[in-house]
Amino acid sequence: MRALISDIHANLAALEAVLADARSRGATEILCLGDVVGYNGQPEECVQRLKAEGARNILGNHDQYVTSGKNCERSKVVASIIDKHLEDLSTDSITWLQGSLDSVTEGDTLFVHGGPRDHVDEYLYAVGVDTFPQGVTRLFAGHTHIQCIHRFGDQTFCNPGSVGQPRDGDPRAAYAILDGDEIHLHRVAYDIDRTVQAMKDRSYEEFMYRGLYAGTQINGRVDRIDRL
């Protein structure tokens, strides 16, 4: 049984809650769809926790920012947080992130961070039969922070949602469990105040964490993934 997590974004309290819940349900393997770092205040702790758990990580765009030397160019806020994370991350943690996978393919199942056209940075806000590459009947992707399952005949798209910064209007940490051919979505309450305090301790501004209490983007927007 596999726990499928994504978009932890340096939220240790959420990660610990999800891992405990997944283990209690019998998960013995952890696959992360990327973005261990970014946004919240405890990147080093989250990387080391995943490393200790023996998790595999697929490279996310925020992971790429801290490992490639090329910071985010579309958001000054994101870039400033990455700069903070580069101060906090150990050489060991950066090395672990550099070992992240581009994608994982298992038979007719594809796991990516973004999407099939750009594994790192494609946003799938609408999915349909044309979203699936040839030969793929199950597609798992993160990046949008929206938990969902959409089925199109024998094709299934799943976003397990975000562990550390949900954006679908539900502030609880999100993840999925894969049990054979079955996909189970789960939400877990966690200590948001603990995450916020860690950010305050690192001098994050209030607007950077207020969305955690509502399950929104930093700007307060709630997102969804539509069917095409």
C-alpha atoms as a PDB file:
ATOM      1  CA  MET A   1       0.000   0.000   0.000  1.00  0.00           C
ATOM      2  CA  ARG A   2       1.426   3.367  -1.059  1.00  0.00           C
ATOM      3  CA  ALA A   3       0.880   6.851   0.301  1.00  0.00           C
ATOM      4  CA  LEU A   4       0.871   9.408  -2.490  1.00  0.00           C
ATOM      5  CA  ILE A   5       1.691  12.901  -1.218  1.00  0.00           C
ATOM      6  CA  SER A   6       2.440  16.181  -2.944  1.00  0.00           C
ATOM      7  CA  ASP A   7       3.187  19.854  -2.421  1.00  0.00           C
ATOM      8  CA  ILE A   8       4.383  19.677   1.172  1.00  0.00           C
ATOM      9  CA  HIS A   9       5.862  23.141   0.845  1.00  0.00           C
ATOM     10  CA  ALA A  10       7.945  23.116   4.022  1.00  0.00           C
ATOM     11  CA  ASN A  11       4.930  22.502   6.277  1.00  0.00           C
ATOM     12  CA  LEU A  12       6.283  20.065   8.864  1.00  0.00           C
ATOM     13  CA  ALA A  13       3.161  19.880  11.039  1.00  0.00           C
ATOM     14  CA  ALA A  14       1.038  18.916   8.028  1.00  0.00           C
ATOM     15  CA  LEU A  15       3.610  16.401   6.800  1.00  0.00           C
ATOM     16  CA  GLU A  16       3.840  14.695  10.182  1.00  0.00           C
ATOM     17  CA  ALA A  17       0.044  14.469  10.425  1.00  0.00           C
ATOM     18  CA  VAL A  18      -0.238  12.942   6.960  1.00  0.00           C
ATOM     19  CA  LEU A  19       2.554  10.436   7.524  1.00  0.00           C
ATOM     20  CA  ALA A  20       1.008   9.313  10.817  1.00  0.00           C
ATOM     21  CA  ASP A  21      -2.399   8.910   9.184  1.00  0.00           C
ATOM     22  CA  ALA A  22      -0.983   7.020   6.215  1.00  0.00           C
ATOM     23  CA  ARG A  23       0.987   4.642   8.412  1.00  0.00           C
ATOM     24  CA  SER A  24      -2.107   4.003  10.546  1.00  0.00           C
ATOM     25  CA  ARG A  25      -3.937   2.937   7.374  1.00  0.00           C
ATOM     26  CA  GLY A  26      -1.205   0.472   6.465  1.00  0.00           C
ATOM     27  CA  ALA A  27       0.888   2.451   3.980  1.00  0.00           C
ATOM     28  CA  THR A  28       4.383   1.027   3.674  1.00  0.00           C
ATOM     29  CA  GLU A  29       5.704   3.173   0.821  1.00  0.00           C
ATOM     30  CA  ILE A  30       5.721   6.931   0.227  1.00  0.00           C
ATOM     31  CA  LEU A  31       5.889   8.620  -3.159  1.00  0.00           C
ATOM     32  CA  CYS A  32       5.964  12.411  -3.223  1.00  0.00           C
ATOM     33  CA  LEU A  33       4.884  14.240  -6.376  1.00  0.00           C
ATOM     34  CA  GLY A  34       7.217  17.103  -5.639  1.00  0.00           C
ATOM     35  CA  ASP A  35       7.528  20.534  -4.060  1.00  0.00           C
ATOM     36  CA  VAL A  36       8.892  19.498  -0.694  1.00  0.00           C
ATOM     37  CA  VAL A  37      10.069  23.090  -0.282  1.00  0.00           C
ATOM     38  CA  GLY A  38       8.608  26.535  -0.958  1.00  0.00           C
ATOM     39  CA  TYR A  39       6.079  28.819   0.768  1.00  0.00           C
ATOM     40  CA  ASN A  40       6.202  27.689   4.432  1.00  0.00           C
ATOM     41  CA  GLY A  41       8.898  27.825   7.064  1.00  0.00           C
ATOM     42  CA  GLN A  42      10.533  24.415   7.665  1.00  0.00           C
ATOM     43  CA  PRO A  43      12.161  23.138   4.466  1.00  0.00           C
ATOM     44  CA  GLU A  44      15.109  21.414   6.137  1.00  0.00           C
ATOM     45  CA  GLU A  45      12.925  19.509   8.578  1.00  0.00           C
ATOM     46  CA  CYS A  46      10.593  18.320   5.806  1.00  0.00           C
ATOM     47  CA  VAL A  47      13.369  17.084   3.542  1.00  0.00           C
ATOM     48  CA  GLN A  48      15.054  15.234   6.371  1.00  0.00           C
ATOM     49  CA  ARG A  49      11.763  13.669   7.466  1.00  0.00           C
ATOM     50  CA  LEU A  50      11.101  12.345   3.963  1.00  0.00           C
ATOM     51  CA  LYS A  51      14.654  11.090   3.710  1.00  0.00           C
ATOM     52  CA  ALA A  52      14.278   9.251   7.037  1.00  0.00           C
ATOM     53  CA  GLU A  53      11.020   7.713   5.788  1.00  0.00           C
ATOM     54  CA  GLY A  54      12.752   6.368   2.682  1.00  0.00           C
ATOM     55  CA  ALA A  55      10.397   8.348   0.451  1.00  0.00           C
ATOM     56  CA  ARG A  56      10.957   8.910  -3.243  1.00  0.00           C
ATOM     57  CA  ASN A  57      10.442  12.419  -4.608  1.00  0.00           C
ATOM     58  CA  ILE A  58       9.504  13.590  -8.089  1.00  0.00           C
ATOM     59  CA  LEU A  59      11.012  16.979  -8.883  1.00  0.00           C
ATOM     60  CA  GLY A  60       8.651  19.921  -8.386  1.00  0.00           C
ATOM     61  CA  ASN A  61       9.199  23.460  -9.618  1.00  0.00           C
ATOM     62  CA  HIS A  62      10.054  24.745  -6.117  1.00  0.00           C
ATOM     63  CA  ASP A  63      12.455  21.852  -5.624  1.00  0.00           C
ATOM     64  CA  GLN A  64      14.011  22.850  -8.936  1.00  0.00           C
ATOM     65  CA  TYR A  65      14.415  26.462  -7.795  1.00  0.00           C
ATOM     66  CA  VAL A  66      16.631  25.411  -4.885  1.00  0.00           C
ATOM     67  CA  THR A  67      18.637  22.825  -6.825  1.00  0.00           C
ATOM     68  CA  SER A  68      19.182  24.493 -10.203  1.00  0.00           C
ATOM     69  CA  GLY A  69      20.484  27.898  -9.162  1.00  0.00           C
ATOM     70  CA  LYS A  70      17.685  29.547 -11.165  1.00  0.00           C
ATOM     71  CA  ASN A  71      15.080  31.105  -8.913  1.00  0.00           C
ATOM     72  CA  CYS A  72      11.414  31.749  -9.719  1.00  0.00           C
ATOM     73  CA  GLU A  73      11.053  34.505 -12.315  1.00  0.00           C
ATOM     74  CA  ARG A  74       7.256  34.934 -12.239  1.00  0.00           C
ATOM     75  CA  SER A  75       6.810  35.810  -8.559  1.00  0.00           C
ATOM     76  CA  LYS A  76       8.983  38.013  -6.373  1.00  0.00           C
ATOM     77  CA  VAL A  77       7.265  36.575  -3.290  1.00  0.00           C
ATOM     78  CA  VAL A  78       8.097  32.997  -4.252  1.00  0.00           C
ATOM     79  CA  ALA A  79      11.667  34.004  -5.105  1.00  0.00           C
ATOM     80  CA  SER A  80      12.116  35.688  -1.716  1.00  0.00           C
ATOM     81  CA  ILE A  81      10.925  32.561   0.079  1.00  0.00           C
ATOM     82  CA  ILE A  82      13.281  30.378  -1.966  1.00  0.00           C
ATOM     83  CA  ASP A  83      16.106  32.688  -0.889  1.00  0.00           C
ATOM     84  CA  LYS A  84      15.137  32.025   2.746  1.00  0.00           C
ATOM     85  CA  HIS A  85      15.066  28.303   2.086  1.00  0.00           C
ATOM     86  CA  LEU A  86      18.506  28.335   0.529  1.00  0.00           C
ATOM     87  CA  GLU A  87      19.757  29.738   3.834  1.00  0.00           C
ATOM     88  CA  ASP A  88      17.987  26.994   5.809  1.00  0.00           C
ATOM     89  CA  LEU A  89      18.701  23.922   3.689  1.00  0.00           C
ATOM     90  CA  SER A  90      21.753  21.814   4.446  1.00  0.00           C
ATOM     91  CA  THR A  91      24.038  20.491   1.741  1.00  0.00           C
ATOM     92  CA  ASP A  92      22.677  17.035   2.518  1.00  0.00           C
ATOM     93  CA  SER A  93      19.090  18.134   1.924  1.00  0.00           C
ATOM     94  CA  ILE A  94      19.916  19.887  -1.343  1.00  0.00           C
ATOM     95  CA  THR A  95      21.747  16.771  -2.487  1.00  0.00           C
ATOM     96  CA  TRP A  96      18.662  14.683  -1.649  1.00  0.00           C
ATOM     97  CA  LEU A  97      16.441  17.029  -3.644  1.00  0.00           C
ATOM     98  CA  GLN A  98      18.884  16.896  -6.554  1.00  0.00           C
ATOM     99  CA  GLY A  99      18.265  13.157  -6.646  1.00  0.00           C
ATOM    100  CA  SER A 100      14.546  13.704  -7.301  1.00  0.00           C
ATOM    101  CA  LEU A 101      13.010  11.843 -10.229  1.00  0.00           C
ATOM    102  CA  ASP A 102      11.650  13.498 -13.364  1.00  0.00           C
ATOM    103  CA  SER A 103       8.619  11.190 -13.331  1.00  0.00           C
ATOM    104  CA  VAL A 104       7.638   7.622 -12.500  1.00  0.00           C
ATOM    105  CA  THR A 105       6.057   5.233 -14.993  1.00  0.00           C
ATOM    106  CA  GLU A 106       4.621   1.904 -13.893  1.00  0.00           C
ATOM    107  CA  GLY A 107       2.929   0.067 -16.734  1.00  0.00           C
ATOM    108  CA  ASP A 108       0.048   2.277 -17.877  1.00  0.00           C
ATOM    109  CA  THR A 109       0.373   4.609 -14.861  1.00  0.00           C
ATOM    110  CA  LEU A 110       2.260   7.914 -14.964  1.00  0.00           C
ATOM    111  CA  PHE A 111       3.227   9.995 -11.930  1.00  0.00           C
ATOM    112  CA  VAL A 112       4.426  13.591 -12.458  1.00  0.00           C
ATOM    113  CA  HIS A 113       4.511  16.866 -10.581  1.00  0.00           C
ATOM    114  CA  GLY A 114       3.060  19.113 -13.261  1.00  0.00           C
ATOM    115  CA  GLY A 115       1.624  17.347 -16.278  1.00  0.00           C
ATOM    116  CA  PRO A 116       2.503  15.026 -19.157  1.00  0.00           C
ATOM    117  CA  ARG A 117       3.715  17.871 -21.430  1.00  0.00           C
ATOM    118  CA  ASP A 118       5.907  19.508 -18.800  1.00  0.00           C
ATOM    119  CA  HIS A 119       6.599  17.219 -15.878  1.00  0.00           C
ATOM    120  CA  VAL A 120       7.779  20.051 -13.637  1.00  0.00           C
ATOM    121  CA  ASP A 121       5.645  23.091 -14.425  1.00  0.00           C
ATOM    122  CA  GLU A 122       2.444  22.299 -16.345  1.00  0.00           C
ATOM    123  CA  TYR A 123      -0.719  23.363 -14.509  1.00  0.00           C
ATOM    124  CA  LEU A 124      -3.674  21.033 -15.084  1.00  0.00           C
ATOM    125  CA  TYR A 125      -6.741  23.080 -14.145  1.00  0.00           C
ATOM    126  CA  ALA A 126      -8.880  21.190 -16.661  1.00  0.00           C
ATOM    127  CA  VAL A 127      -8.497  17.547 -17.669  1.00  0.00           C
ATOM    128  CA  GLY A 128     -10.082  15.293 -20.266  1.00  0.00           C
ATOM    129  CA  VAL A 129      -9.279  12.286 -22.412  1.00  0.00           C
ATOM    130  CA  ASP A 130      -6.771  14.317 -24.422  1.00  0.00           C
ATOM    131  CA  THR A 131      -4.774  15.011 -21.253  1.00  0.00           C
ATOM    132  CA  PHE A 132      -3.561  11.412 -21.158  1.00  0.00           C
ATOM    133  CA  PRO A 133      -0.464  10.483 -23.177  1.00  0.00           C
ATOM    134  CA  GLN A 134      -0.705   7.461 -25.429  1.00  0.00           C
ATOM    135  CA  GLY A 135      -0.614   4.256 -23.410  1.00  0.00           C
ATOM    136  CA  VAL A 136      -1.422   5.967 -20.098  1.00  0.00           C
ATOM    137  CA  THR A 137      -4.728   5.129 -18.401  1.00  0.00           C
ATOM    138  CA  ARG A 138      -3.904   6.419 -14.913  1.00  0.00           C
ATOM    139  CA  LEU A 139      -2.336   9.861 -14.518  1.00  0.00           C
ATOM    140  CA  PHE A 140      -1.303  11.285 -11.143  1.00  0.00           C
ATOM    141  CA  ALA A 141      -0.189  14.917 -10.889  1.00  0.00           C
ATOM    142  CA  GLY A 142       0.250  17.571  -8.203  1.00  0.00           C
ATOM    143  CA  HIS A 143       1.244  21.228  -8.621  1.00  0.00           C
ATOM    144  CA  THR A 144      -2.242  22.803  -8.460  1.00  0.00           C
ATOM    145  CA  HIS A 145      -2.878  21.866  -4.791  1.00  0.00           C
ATOM    146  CA  ILE A 146      -6.410  20.654  -5.635  1.00  0.00           C
ATOM    147  CA  GLN A 147      -7.506  17.200  -4.483  1.00  0.00           C
ATOM    148  CA  CYS A 148      -9.651  15.364  -7.023  1.00  0.00           C
ATOM    149  CA  ILE A 149     -10.351  12.233  -9.016  1.00  0.00           C
ATOM    150  CA  HIS A 150     -11.824  12.470 -12.529  1.00  0.00           C
ATOM    151  CA  ARG A 151     -12.666   9.345 -14.506  1.00  0.00           C
ATOM    152  CA  PHE A 152     -13.177   9.077 -18.257  1.00  0.00           C
ATOM    153  CA  GLY A 153     -14.140   5.516 -19.070  1.00  0.00           C
ATOM    154  CA  ASP A 154     -11.076   3.404 -18.353  1.00  0.00           C
ATOM    155  CA  GLN A 155      -8.905   6.499 -17.798  1.00  0.00           C
ATOM    156  CA  THR A 156      -8.394   8.026 -14.344  1.00  0.00           C
ATOM    157  CA  PHE A 157      -6.840  11.343 -13.389  1.00  0.00           C
ATOM    158  CA  CYS A 158      -5.953  11.956  -9.749  1.00  0.00           C
ATOM    159  CA  ASN A 159      -4.433  14.882  -7.932  1.00  0.00           C
ATOM    160  CA  PRO A 160      -3.806  13.834  -4.310  1.00  0.00           C
ATOM    161  CA  GLY A 161      -3.994  17.465  -3.237  1.00  0.00           C
ATOM    162  CA  SER A 162      -1.489  19.424  -1.205  1.00  0.00           C
ATOM    163  CA  VAL A 163      -0.096  18.351   2.128  1.00  0.00           C
ATOM    164  CA  GLY A 164       1.160  21.776   3.112  1.00  0.00           C
ATOM    165  CA  GLN A 165      -0.858  24.406   1.257  1.00  0.00           C
ATOM    166  CA  PRO A 166      -4.308  23.203   0.091  1.00  0.00           C
ATOM    167  CA  ARG A 167      -6.033  25.572  -2.336  1.00  0.00           C
ATOM    168  CA  ASP A 168      -9.426  23.903  -2.758  1.00  0.00           C
ATOM    169  CA  GLY A 169     -11.146  25.623   0.160  1.00  0.00           C
ATOM    170  CA  ASP A 170     -10.402  22.866   2.682  1.00  0.00           C
ATOM    171  CA  PRO A 171      -7.495  23.728   5.011  1.00  0.00           C
ATOM    172  CA  ARG A 172      -6.881  20.122   6.032  1.00  0.00           C
ATOM    173  CA  ALA A 173      -3.782  18.404   4.651  1.00  0.00           C
ATOM    174  CA  ALA A 174      -4.574  16.252   1.611  1.00  0.00           C
ATOM    175  CA  TYR A 175      -3.114  13.025   0.278  1.00  0.00           C
ATOM    176  CA  ALA A 176      -4.078   9.752  -1.380  1.00  0.00           C
ATOM    177  CA  ILE A 177      -3.506   6.069  -0.753  1.00  0.00           C
ATOM    178  CA  LEU A 178      -3.045   3.607  -3.606  1.00  0.00           C
ATOM    179  CA  ASP A 179      -4.153   0.115  -2.681  1.00  0.00           C
ATOM    180  CA  GLY A 180      -3.760  -2.022  -5.777  1.00  0.00           C
ATOM    181  CA  ASP A 181      -6.141  -0.570  -8.362  1.00  0.00           C
ATOM    182  CA  GLU A 182      -8.051   1.433  -5.764  1.00  0.00           C
ATOM    183  CA  ILE A 183      -7.435   5.126  -5.055  1.00  0.00           C
ATOM    184  CA  HIS A 184      -8.564   6.565  -1.726  1.00  0.00           C
ATOM    185  CA  LEU A 185      -8.470  10.305  -1.022  1.00  0.00           C
ATOM    186  CA  HIS A 186      -7.898  11.465   2.558  1.00  0.00           C
ATOM    187  CA  ARG A 187      -7.876  14.755   4.490  1.00  0.00           C
ATOM    188  CA  VAL A 188      -6.132  15.230   7.828  1.00  0.00           C
ATOM    189  CA  ALA A 189      -6.480  18.087  10.300  1.00  0.00           C
ATOM    190  CA  TYR A 190      -3.153  19.427  11.587  1.00  0.00           C
ATOM    191  CA  ASP A 191      -1.849  22.154  13.883  1.00  0.00           C
ATOM    192  CA  ILE A 192      -1.883  25.182  11.572  1.00  0.00           C
ATOM    193  CA  ASP A 193      -0.860  27.466  14.438  1.00  0.00           C
ATOM    194  CA  ARG A 194       2.358  25.477  14.774  1.00  0.00           C
ATOM    195  CA  THR A 195       3.142  26.019  11.093  1.00  0.00           C
ATOM    196  CA  VAL A 196       2.334  29.722  11.344  1.00  0.00           C
ATOM    197  CA  GLN A 197       4.548  30.131  14.407  1.00  0.00           C
ATOM    198  CA  ALA A 198       7.462  28.569  12.540  1.00  0.00           C
ATOM    199  CA  MET A 199       6.912  31.139   9.792  1.00  0.00           C
ATOM    200  CA  LYS A 200       6.675  34.021  12.257  1.00  0.00           C
ATOM    201  CA  ASP A 201       9.943  32.853  13.782  1.00  0.00           C
ATOM    202  CA  ARG A 202      11.533  33.225  10.328  1.00  0.00           C
ATOM    203  CA  SER A 203      10.011  36.712   9.808  1.00  0.00           C
ATOM    204  CA  TYR A 204       7.479  35.708   7.169  1.00  0.00           C
ATOM    205  CA  GLU A 205       4.855  38.370   6.502  1.00  0.00           C
ATOM    206  CA  GLU A 206       1.258  37.728   7.571  1.00  0.00           C
ATOM    207  CA  PHE A 207      -0.130  37.498   4.038  1.00  0.00           C
ATOM    208  CA  MET A 208       2.176  34.546   3.354  1.00  0.00           C
ATOM    209  CA  TYR A 209       0.424  32.286   5.853  1.00  0.00           C
ATOM    210  CA  ARG A 210      -3.143  33.532   6.345  1.00  0.00           C
ATOM    211  CA  GLY A 211      -4.434  31.354   3.493  1.00  0.00           C
ATOM    212  CA  LEU A 212      -3.501  28.221   5.453  1.00  0.00           C
ATOM    213  CA  TYR A 213      -6.524  28.728   7.692  1.00  0.00           C
ATOM    214  CA  ALA A 214      -8.928  28.846   4.740  1.00  0.00           C
ATOM    215  CA  GLY A 215      -7.295  26.444   2.294  1.00  0.00           C
ATOM    216  CA  THR A 216      -6.550  29.098  -0.328  1.00  0.00           C
ATOM    217  CA  GLN A 217      -3.730  30.558  -2.343  1.00  0.00           C
ATOM    218  CA  ILE A 218      -1.728  33.368  -0.746  1.00  0.00           C
ATOM    219  CA  ASN A 219      -4.012  35.846  -2.513  1.00  0.00           C
ATOM    220  CA  GLY A 220      -7.145  34.156  -1.114  1.00  0.00           C
ATOM    221  CA  ARG A 221      -8.209  32.430  -4.319  1.00  0.00           C
ATOM    222  CA  VAL A 222      -9.866  29.001  -4.198  1.00  0.00           C
ATOM    223  CA  ASP A 223      -9.069  26.776  -7.191  1.00  0.00           C
ATOM    224  CA  ARG A 224     -10.597  23.724  -8.829  1.00  0.00           C
ATOM    225  CA  ILE A 225      -9.837  21.233 -11.594  1.00  0.00           C
ATOM    226  CA  ASP A 226     -12.582  21.024 -14.227  1.00  0.00           C
ATOM    227  CA  ARG A 227     -13.518  18.190 -16.560  1.00  0.00           C
ATOM    228  CA  LEU A 228     -13.151  18.844 -20.273  1.00  0.00           C
END
